[in-house]
């Protein structure tokens, strides 16, 4: 009697997604080490690996100055890595299949469903096409608005390139800039056109494609899915909270908001709140932020954006669900209720797992880097690690100052942050299906 042959690798969508991001990172690193990618000299593979990881994982942490170090070829490679990292390899693969006339199979649709974090398999191809149109429309509009400022300042060719690059970088929540000044976009810290355009792109990319698609299809929040309502309400609340927190913490700080007018303070505080949401652009000097602002920024960076978006973090819906569960328990309810709906226990278990794994990775990251750099302020290490785990890209101590071993920890954190803590764990873990069928006796454990 012959035993059944097991496949070499079972079809696990989340594993294929994780491997696709890894492949893009390695390919990008190889391209960035080419002599043509640099303006002078040749980048080491480790620095190229860090930069490629930051671009594919749409983070924005850098160990070299992008505008000064990379040639036009290198910047184009970075832009493609950011675009592919923001939309995901699955989106481009699906578009390629459609262009070649290849039939989209059930397996392909399952892969799209996992990548887009959707609950139903129906309408996946239509969603991919809509996501592509939305992306290029938003980036095109953003580039046109930015060119109003960049073209008169830098000339037609460079101004157009700057407009396109920063629009893509903002919508994908990457935070890379090619201005070559080492201070991100601080020179436009008082410019409403640049800051509000970038803010629009960052928020649009961070809301999640499924939520925006559902909002338009439902023609408003009232008839939208519960997921969509939670995303928009939580995003608005966090943006308001972040803006007020920055204003209160930095109002009299001469290094940040202290010397600005009331209107300029409001604009800069709002943009800082937006960029905390996994964007990485900095209009204020992050080193001069007060400890309280850095701490609140660390929390906001860990929360991050919405699921199936270009942003990272634990996700606003994850944190929102756990807060709703805590409120329900405090009121003595057996069910977790949000807006007249109850949330399945499986969803709560998934949310709790994401938070535990994500915070565990964050704590491990902080502990290891603090051991490597005992001289670095703990607030700056927390800030850097939250920026990596949340795929944000803000740095208050300077990423280039970290030891290579610490940078390796940041690389792993950025990768985990983009794939998702739980998704990466499931991609690596081997599920014991036979054990799942065995029901063990229950026993209570005292908690609290």
Protein backbone atom coordinates (compact mmCIF):
# COMPACT_ATOMS: atom_id res chain seq x y z
CA UNK A 1 0.00 0.00 0.00
CA UNK A 2 1.53 3.27 -1.12
CA UNK A 3 1.41 6.32 1.11
CA UNK A 4 0.01 9.51 -0.32
CA UNK A 5 2.62 11.91 -1.56
CA UNK A 6 2.56 15.28 0.10
CA UNK A 7 3.22 18.42 -1.97
CA UNK A 8 6.59 20.03 -1.54
CA UNK A 9 4.92 23.25 -0.39
CA UNK A 10 1.21 23.56 0.22
CA UNK A 11 -0.57 26.56 -1.26
CA UNK A 12 -0.61 29.04 1.62
CA UNK A 13 -1.46 32.56 0.36
CA UNK A 14 0.15 34.41 3.27
CA UNK A 15 3.40 32.46 2.75
CA UNK A 16 3.52 33.35 -0.95
CA UNK A 17 2.89 37.02 -0.11
CA UNK A 18 5.73 37.01 2.44
CA UNK A 19 8.08 35.38 -0.09
CA UNK A 20 7.11 37.88 -2.81
CA UNK A 21 8.11 40.80 -0.56
CA UNK A 22 11.38 39.06 0.27
CA UNK A 23 12.10 38.51 -3.43
CA UNK A 24 11.44 42.18 -4.22
CA UNK A 25 13.80 43.24 -1.41
CA UNK A 26 16.65 41.05 -2.62
CA UNK A 27 16.18 42.10 -6.25
CA UNK A 28 16.06 45.76 -5.23
CA UNK A 29 19.21 45.40 -3.13
CA UNK A 30 21.08 43.88 -6.09
CA UNK A 31 19.98 46.70 -8.39
CA UNK A 32 20.99 49.39 -5.89
CA UNK A 33 24.52 47.96 -5.64
CA UNK A 34 25.10 48.52 -9.36
CA UNK A 35 27.56 51.37 -10.12
CA UNK A 36 24.92 53.06 -12.30
CA UNK A 37 22.62 53.39 -9.27
CA UNK A 38 24.98 55.73 -7.40
CA UNK A 39 26.24 59.19 -8.28
CA UNK A 40 29.73 58.19 -7.22
CA UNK A 41 31.31 55.02 -5.93
CA UNK A 42 29.30 51.91 -5.24
CA UNK A 43 26.94 51.18 -2.37
CA UNK A 44 27.72 48.26 -0.09
CA UNK A 45 25.28 45.36 -0.24
CA UNK A 46 24.25 45.78 3.40
CA UNK A 47 23.37 49.47 2.92
CA UNK A 48 21.54 48.55 -0.30
CA UNK A 49 19.68 45.80 1.55
CA UNK A 50 18.60 48.23 4.26
CA UNK A 51 17.47 50.80 1.68
CA UNK A 52 15.62 48.22 -0.44
CA UNK A 53 13.86 46.83 2.66
CA UNK A 54 12.86 50.32 3.70
CA UNK A 55 11.51 51.03 0.20
CA UNK A 56 9.63 47.74 -0.35
CA UNK A 57 8.24 47.88 3.19
CA UNK A 58 7.31 51.55 2.54
CA UNK A 59 9.08 52.73 5.68
CA UNK A 60 11.48 55.55 4.82
CA UNK A 61 14.33 54.90 7.27
CA UNK A 62 17.59 55.57 5.45
CA UNK A 63 21.30 55.14 6.08
CA UNK A 64 22.27 57.37 3.13
CA UNK A 65 20.85 60.63 1.82
CA UNK A 66 18.62 59.54 -1.07
CA UNK A 67 18.85 62.71 -3.14
CA UNK A 68 22.63 62.99 -2.83
CA UNK A 69 23.67 59.32 -2.99
CA UNK A 70 21.54 57.88 -5.78
CA UNK A 71 21.65 58.68 -9.47
CA UNK A 72 18.48 59.04 -11.54
CA UNK A 73 18.61 55.29 -12.21
CA UNK A 74 18.88 54.56 -8.49
CA UNK A 75 15.99 56.90 -7.72
CA UNK A 76 13.83 55.24 -10.40
CA UNK A 77 14.60 51.84 -8.86
CA UNK A 78 13.59 53.20 -5.46
CA UNK A 79 10.37 54.60 -6.88
CA UNK A 80 9.46 51.24 -8.43
CA UNK A 81 10.24 49.43 -5.18
CA UNK A 82 8.06 51.88 -3.26
CA UNK A 83 5.19 51.51 -5.73
CA UNK A 84 5.37 47.73 -5.75
CA UNK A 85 5.75 47.62 -1.99
CA UNK A 86 2.78 49.91 -1.48
CA UNK A 87 0.39 48.09 -3.80
CA UNK A 88 1.91 44.66 -3.28
CA UNK A 89 3.33 42.14 -5.72
CA UNK A 90 -0.06 40.40 -5.99
CA UNK A 91 -1.63 43.52 -7.52
CA UNK A 92 1.01 43.78 -10.24
CA UNK A 93 0.90 40.03 -10.85
CA UNK A 94 -2.87 40.18 -11.34
CA UNK A 95 -2.57 43.14 -13.70
CA UNK A 96 0.02 41.20 -15.71
CA UNK A 97 -2.31 38.20 -15.95
CA UNK A 98 -5.14 40.45 -17.13
CA UNK A 99 -2.92 42.14 -19.74
CA UNK A 100 -1.79 38.74 -21.08
CA UNK A 101 -5.36 37.45 -21.19
CA UNK A 102 -4.65 34.72 -18.63
CA UNK A 103 -7.65 33.41 -16.72
CA UNK A 104 -7.71 34.34 -13.03
CA UNK A 105 -8.08 31.04 -11.19
CA UNK A 106 -9.58 30.31 -7.77
CA UNK A 107 -6.07 30.03 -6.38
CA UNK A 108 -5.25 33.50 -7.76
CA UNK A 109 -8.42 34.90 -6.21
CA UNK A 110 -7.53 33.38 -2.83
CA UNK A 111 -4.14 35.08 -3.07
CA UNK A 112 -5.79 38.43 -3.87
CA UNK A 113 -8.25 37.93 -1.02
CA UNK A 114 -5.40 37.43 1.46
CA UNK A 115 -3.42 40.39 0.10
CA UNK A 116 -6.44 42.71 0.26
CA UNK A 117 -7.57 41.33 3.63
CA UNK A 118 -11.10 40.74 2.34
CA UNK A 119 -13.61 38.29 3.84
CA UNK A 120 -15.28 37.29 0.53
CA UNK A 121 -13.63 35.85 -2.55
CA UNK A 122 -16.11 37.41 -4.96
CA UNK A 123 -15.20 40.55 -6.92
CA UNK A 124 -11.44 40.29 -6.34
CA UNK A 125 -10.42 41.13 -9.91
CA UNK A 126 -12.80 44.09 -9.99
CA UNK A 127 -11.29 45.30 -6.69
CA UNK A 128 -7.74 45.05 -8.08
CA UNK A 129 -8.68 47.12 -11.13
CA UNK A 130 -10.36 49.71 -8.92
CA UNK A 131 -7.32 49.85 -6.60
CA UNK A 132 -5.06 50.50 -9.59
CA UNK A 133 -7.27 53.31 -10.89
CA UNK A 134 -7.54 54.89 -7.45
CA UNK A 135 -3.79 54.73 -6.91
CA UNK A 136 -2.79 56.35 -10.17
CA UNK A 137 -5.55 58.98 -9.93
CA UNK A 138 -4.48 60.02 -6.43
CA UNK A 139 -0.79 59.98 -7.31
CA UNK A 140 -1.42 61.88 -10.55
CA UNK A 141 -3.46 64.56 -8.79
CA UNK A 142 -0.88 64.83 -6.01
CA UNK A 143 2.00 65.09 -8.49
CA UNK A 144 0.20 67.85 -10.41
CA UNK A 145 -0.34 69.87 -7.22
CA UNK A 146 3.25 69.39 -6.06
CA UNK A 147 4.55 70.43 -9.48
CA UNK A 148 2.92 73.84 -8.96
CA UNK A 149 5.57 74.40 -6.30
CA UNK A 150 8.47 72.29 -7.61
CA UNK A 151 8.57 73.25 -11.31
CA UNK A 152 9.08 77.03 -10.76
CA UNK A 153 11.71 76.25 -8.12
CA UNK A 154 13.70 73.43 -9.78
CA UNK A 155 12.87 73.74 -13.48
CA UNK A 156 10.60 71.65 -15.69
CA UNK A 157 12.46 68.32 -15.77
CA UNK A 158 13.55 68.13 -12.14
CA UNK A 159 10.33 69.71 -10.92
CA UNK A 160 8.19 67.09 -12.68
CA UNK A 161 10.36 64.27 -11.33
CA UNK A 162 10.21 65.67 -7.79
CA UNK A 163 6.43 65.97 -8.05
CA UNK A 164 5.98 62.39 -9.24
CA UNK A 165 8.47 60.87 -6.78
CA UNK A 166 7.09 62.58 -3.69
CA UNK A 167 3.46 61.92 -4.71
CA UNK A 168 4.15 58.17 -5.03
CA UNK A 169 6.22 58.18 -1.84
CA UNK A 170 3.42 59.92 0.07
CA UNK A 171 0.52 57.79 -1.22
CA UNK A 172 2.48 54.62 -0.48
CA UNK A 173 3.26 56.00 3.00
CA UNK A 174 6.98 55.57 2.31
CA UNK A 175 8.40 58.95 3.35
CA UNK A 176 11.40 58.92 0.97
CA UNK A 177 12.43 62.30 -0.43
CA UNK A 178 14.97 63.23 -3.10
CA UNK A 179 15.51 66.87 -2.15
CA UNK A 180 19.04 66.03 -0.98
CA UNK A 181 19.04 68.24 2.10
CA UNK A 182 19.06 65.62 4.87
CA UNK A 183 16.09 67.20 6.66
CA UNK A 184 13.24 65.61 4.71
CA UNK A 185 10.75 68.32 3.65
CA UNK A 186 11.54 70.80 6.46
CA UNK A 187 12.08 73.59 3.90
CA UNK A 188 8.32 73.41 3.16
CA UNK A 189 7.29 73.40 6.82
CA UNK A 190 5.22 76.57 6.32
CA UNK A 191 3.88 75.75 2.84
CA UNK A 192 0.16 74.78 2.90
CA UNK A 193 0.18 73.53 -0.71
CA UNK A 194 2.97 71.00 -0.15
CA UNK A 195 1.98 69.88 3.35
CA UNK A 196 -1.75 69.54 2.66
CA UNK A 197 -1.13 67.73 -0.64
CA UNK A 198 1.19 65.26 1.05
CA UNK A 199 -1.30 64.89 3.91
CA UNK A 200 -4.12 64.07 1.48
CA UNK A 201 -1.98 61.43 -0.21
CA UNK A 202 -0.80 59.89 3.07
CA UNK A 203 -4.33 59.68 4.49
CA UNK A 204 -5.77 58.30 1.24
CA UNK A 205 -3.14 55.57 1.08
CA UNK A 206 -3.51 54.73 4.76
CA UNK A 207 -7.30 54.30 4.83
CA UNK A 208 -7.20 50.92 3.13
CA UNK A 209 -8.37 50.16 -0.40
CA UNK A 210 -11.27 48.00 0.71
CA UNK A 211 -12.62 50.67 3.06
CA UNK A 212 -12.49 53.44 0.44
CA UNK A 213 -14.05 51.13 -2.16
CA UNK A 214 -16.87 50.23 0.22
CA UNK A 215 -17.44 53.88 1.18
CA UNK A 216 -17.88 54.91 -2.46
CA UNK A 217 -20.05 51.90 -3.25
CA UNK A 218 -22.27 52.52 -0.19
CA UNK A 219 -22.37 56.27 -0.88
CA UNK A 220 -21.65 57.23 2.70
CA UNK A 221 -20.72 55.86 6.10
CA UNK A 222 -24.29 55.13 7.22
CA UNK A 223 -24.73 52.27 4.74
CA UNK A 224 -21.10 51.16 4.71
CA UNK A 225 -19.76 48.02 6.36
CA UNK A 226 -18.85 48.10 10.04
CA UNK A 227 -15.19 47.72 9.09
CA UNK A 228 -15.34 50.87 6.96
CA UNK A 229 -17.04 52.87 9.69
CA UNK A 230 -14.47 51.80 12.26
CA UNK A 231 -11.60 52.72 9.92
CA UNK A 232 -12.86 56.22 9.17
CA UNK A 233 -13.95 57.07 12.71
CA UNK A 234 -10.74 55.73 14.27
CA UNK A 235 -8.57 57.48 11.67
CA UNK A 236 -10.29 60.82 12.27
CA UNK A 237 -10.05 60.44 16.06
CA UNK A 238 -6.34 59.58 15.93
CA UNK A 239 -5.56 62.47 13.58
CA UNK A 240 -7.35 64.88 15.93
CA UNK A 241 -5.67 63.38 18.99
CA UNK A 242 -2.25 63.59 17.36
CA UNK A 243 -2.72 67.20 16.26
CA UNK A 244 -3.85 68.35 19.72
CA UNK A 245 -1.03 66.38 21.38
CA UNK A 246 1.66 67.95 19.18
CA UNK A 247 0.22 71.43 19.72
CA UNK A 248 0.17 70.97 23.51
CA UNK A 249 3.60 69.40 23.68
CA UNK A 250 5.45 71.68 21.27
CA UNK A 251 3.62 75.02 21.49
CA UNK A 252 6.49 76.87 23.24
CA UNK A 253 9.33 74.67 21.95
CA UNK A 254 11.65 77.04 20.07
CA UNK A 255 13.10 74.16 18.08
CA UNK A 256 9.77 73.07 16.61
CA UNK A 257 6.56 75.15 16.86
CA UNK A 258 7.68 77.94 19.19
CA UNK A 259 8.64 80.48 16.51
CA UNK A 260 5.70 79.83 14.18
CA UNK A 261 2.48 81.82 13.91
CA UNK A 262 -0.79 80.31 15.16
CA UNK A 263 -1.82 79.15 11.69
CA UNK A 264 1.63 77.74 10.94
CA UNK A 265 1.61 75.86 14.26
CA UNK A 266 -1.74 74.28 13.45
CA UNK A 267 -0.55 73.25 9.96
CA UNK A 268 2.75 71.81 11.24
CA UNK A 269 1.05 69.96 14.13
CA UNK A 270 -1.54 68.46 11.78
CA UNK A 271 1.13 67.31 9.35
CA UNK A 272 3.18 65.78 12.17
CA UNK A 273 0.05 63.91 13.30
CA UNK A 274 -0.51 62.68 9.74
CA UNK A 275 3.08 61.55 9.28
CA UNK A 276 2.96 59.64 12.58
CA UNK A 277 0.44 57.41 10.78
CA UNK A 278 3.27 55.52 8.97
CA UNK A 279 4.31 58.17 6.45
CA UNK A 280 7.85 59.23 7.47
CA UNK A 281 8.01 62.76 6.05
CA UNK A 282 9.27 65.29 8.58
CA UNK A 283 8.45 69.00 8.46
CA UNK A 284 9.71 69.45 12.05
CA UNK A 285 13.11 68.52 13.45
CA UNK A 286 12.41 65.15 15.10
CA UNK A 287 15.49 65.40 17.33
CA UNK A 288 14.11 68.53 19.02
CA UNK A 289 10.69 67.08 19.86
CA UNK A 290 10.00 66.95 23.59
CA UNK A 291 9.97 63.55 25.33
CA UNK A 292 6.18 63.62 25.83
CA UNK A 293 5.62 64.21 22.10
CA UNK A 294 8.05 61.42 21.21
CA UNK A 295 6.25 59.04 23.55
CA UNK A 296 2.81 59.83 22.11
CA UNK A 297 4.31 59.62 18.63
CA UNK A 298 5.68 56.17 19.49
CA UNK A 299 2.18 55.03 20.44
CA UNK A 300 0.63 56.46 17.26
CA UNK A 301 3.32 54.86 15.09
CA UNK A 302 2.69 51.47 16.67
CA UNK A 303 -1.06 51.78 16.00
CA UNK A 304 -0.41 52.69 12.37
CA UNK A 305 -2.91 52.81 9.49
CA UNK A 306 -5.82 50.65 8.33
CA UNK A 307 -5.69 47.03 7.07
CA UNK A 308 -5.07 46.45 3.34
CA UNK A 309 -3.55 49.92 3.03
CA UNK A 310 -0.11 51.17 2.09
CA UNK A 311 0.64 51.79 5.77
CA UNK A 312 1.82 49.48 8.53
CA UNK A 313 1.47 49.17 12.28
CA UNK A 314 -0.88 47.12 14.42
CA UNK A 315 -3.78 48.77 12.51
CA UNK A 316 -6.52 51.08 13.76
CA UNK A 317 -9.20 48.38 13.57
CA UNK A 318 -7.12 46.00 15.71
CA UNK A 319 -6.72 48.53 18.50
CA UNK A 320 -10.32 49.71 18.09
CA UNK A 321 -11.66 46.16 18.50
CA UNK A 322 -9.67 45.56 21.68
CA UNK A 323 -10.86 48.86 23.17
CA UNK A 324 -14.43 47.94 22.31
CA UNK A 325 -13.92 44.53 23.95
CA UNK A 326 -12.60 46.19 27.11
CA UNK A 327 -15.63 48.51 27.23
CA UNK A 328 -18.01 45.56 26.74
CA UNK A 329 -16.35 43.63 29.57
CA UNK A 330 -16.51 46.69 31.84
CA UNK A 331 -20.26 46.89 31.15
CA UNK A 332 -20.73 43.21 31.94
CA UNK A 333 -21.57 42.13 28.39
CA UNK A 334 -20.75 38.72 26.99
CA UNK A 335 -20.52 40.09 23.44
CA UNK A 336 -18.28 42.81 22.03
CA UNK A 337 -20.58 45.36 20.45
CA UNK A 338 -19.80 48.17 18.03
CA UNK A 339 -22.47 50.35 16.44
CA UNK A 340 -25.28 47.85 16.90
CA UNK A 341 -23.24 44.85 15.76
CA UNK A 342 -21.48 42.07 17.67
CA UNK A 343 -17.93 41.07 16.79
CA UNK A 344 -17.11 37.34 16.36
CA UNK A 345 -14.79 35.84 18.97
CA UNK A 346 -12.45 34.62 16.20
CA UNK A 347 -11.90 38.24 15.11
CA UNK A 348 -11.08 39.27 18.68
CA UNK A 349 -8.63 36.38 19.03
CA UNK A 350 -6.91 37.46 15.84
CA UNK A 351 -6.72 41.09 17.02
CA UNK A 352 -5.27 40.03 20.38
CA UNK A 353 -2.69 37.82 18.66
CA UNK A 354 -1.60 40.68 16.40
CA UNK A 355 -1.10 43.01 19.37
CA UNK A 356 0.78 40.44 21.46
CA UNK A 357 3.11 39.39 18.62
CA UNK A 358 3.63 42.97 17.41
CA UNK A 359 4.37 44.41 20.85
CA UNK A 360 6.55 41.40 21.64
CA UNK A 361 8.66 42.06 18.56
CA UNK A 362 8.83 45.76 19.47
CA UNK A 363 10.00 45.05 23.02
CA UNK A 364 12.61 42.57 21.77
CA UNK A 365 13.81 45.12 19.23
CA UNK A 366 14.16 47.82 21.89
CA UNK A 367 15.95 45.50 24.31
CA UNK A 368 18.52 44.29 21.77
CA UNK A 369 19.27 47.75 20.35
CA UNK A 370 19.52 49.22 23.88
CA UNK A 371 22.15 46.57 24.68
CA UNK A 372 24.06 47.41 21.50
CA UNK A 373 23.79 51.18 22.13
CA UNK A 374 23.79 51.79 25.90
CA UNK A 375 24.75 55.42 25.22
CA UNK A 376 21.65 56.19 23.12
CA UNK A 377 18.66 57.83 24.85
CA UNK A 378 15.93 55.25 25.48
CA UNK A 379 13.26 57.60 24.09
CA UNK A 380 15.12 57.73 20.76
CA UNK A 381 15.48 53.93 20.66
CA UNK A 382 11.75 53.53 21.35
CA UNK A 383 11.03 56.08 18.63
CA UNK A 384 13.26 54.32 16.08
CA UNK A 385 11.94 50.84 16.83
CA UNK A 386 8.30 51.97 16.68
CA UNK A 387 9.13 53.67 13.39
CA UNK A 388 10.50 50.39 12.00
CA UNK A 389 7.76 48.09 13.33
CA UNK A 390 5.07 50.54 12.20
CA UNK A 391 6.85 51.11 8.84
CA UNK A 392 6.84 54.86 9.49
CA UNK A 393 10.33 56.16 8.70
CA UNK A 394 10.77 58.89 11.32
CA UNK A 395 14.04 58.99 13.24
CA UNK A 396 15.09 61.23 16.11
CA UNK A 397 18.60 59.88 16.73
CA UNK A 398 19.64 59.15 13.16
CA UNK A 399 19.45 55.67 11.64
CA UNK A 400 22.95 55.99 10.20
CA UNK A 401 24.36 56.15 13.76
CA UNK A 402 23.17 52.65 14.62
CA UNK A 403 25.54 49.67 14.63
CA UNK A 404 25.12 47.19 11.74
CA UNK A 405 23.69 44.62 14.17
CA UNK A 406 21.07 47.16 15.28
CA UNK A 407 20.29 47.96 11.65
CA UNK A 408 19.75 44.25 11.02
CA UNK A 409 17.15 44.26 13.79
CA UNK A 410 15.49 47.23 12.09
CA UNK A 411 15.48 45.37 8.76
CA UNK A 412 13.67 42.43 10.34
CA UNK A 413 11.24 44.80 12.08
CA UNK A 414 10.40 46.63 8.86
CA UNK A 415 9.77 43.35 7.08
CA UNK A 416 7.54 42.06 9.85
CA UNK A 417 5.72 45.38 10.03
CA UNK A 418 4.87 45.32 6.32
CA UNK A 419 3.79 41.68 6.17
CA UNK A 420 1.95 41.94 9.48
CA UNK A 421 2.91 40.30 12.80
CA UNK A 422 0.31 37.56 12.69
CA UNK A 423 0.59 36.97 8.93
CA UNK A 424 4.36 36.54 9.14
CA UNK A 425 3.97 34.13 12.05
CA UNK A 426 1.43 32.07 10.11
CA UNK A 427 3.68 32.11 7.04
CA UNK A 428 6.58 30.66 9.03
CA UNK A 429 4.66 28.32 11.31
CA UNK A 430 3.68 24.79 10.30
CA UNK A 431 0.10 24.12 11.23
CA UNK A 432 -0.58 20.77 12.85
CA UNK A 433 -3.97 19.98 11.33
CA UNK A 434 -4.43 16.68 13.21
CA UNK A 435 -3.92 18.40 16.56
CA UNK A 436 -6.54 21.04 15.68
CA UNK A 437 -9.22 18.33 15.50
CA UNK A 438 -8.64 17.17 19.09
CA UNK A 439 -10.82 18.93 21.66
CA UNK A 440 -9.08 19.10 25.02
CA UNK A 441 -10.84 19.61 28.37
CA UNK A 442 -11.18 23.21 29.52
CA UNK A 443 -9.79 24.61 32.76
CA UNK A 444 -9.90 28.19 34.02
CA UNK A 445 -6.84 30.28 34.87
CA UNK A 446 -7.12 33.29 37.16
CA UNK A 447 -6.35 36.58 35.40
CA UNK A 448 -6.35 40.24 36.38
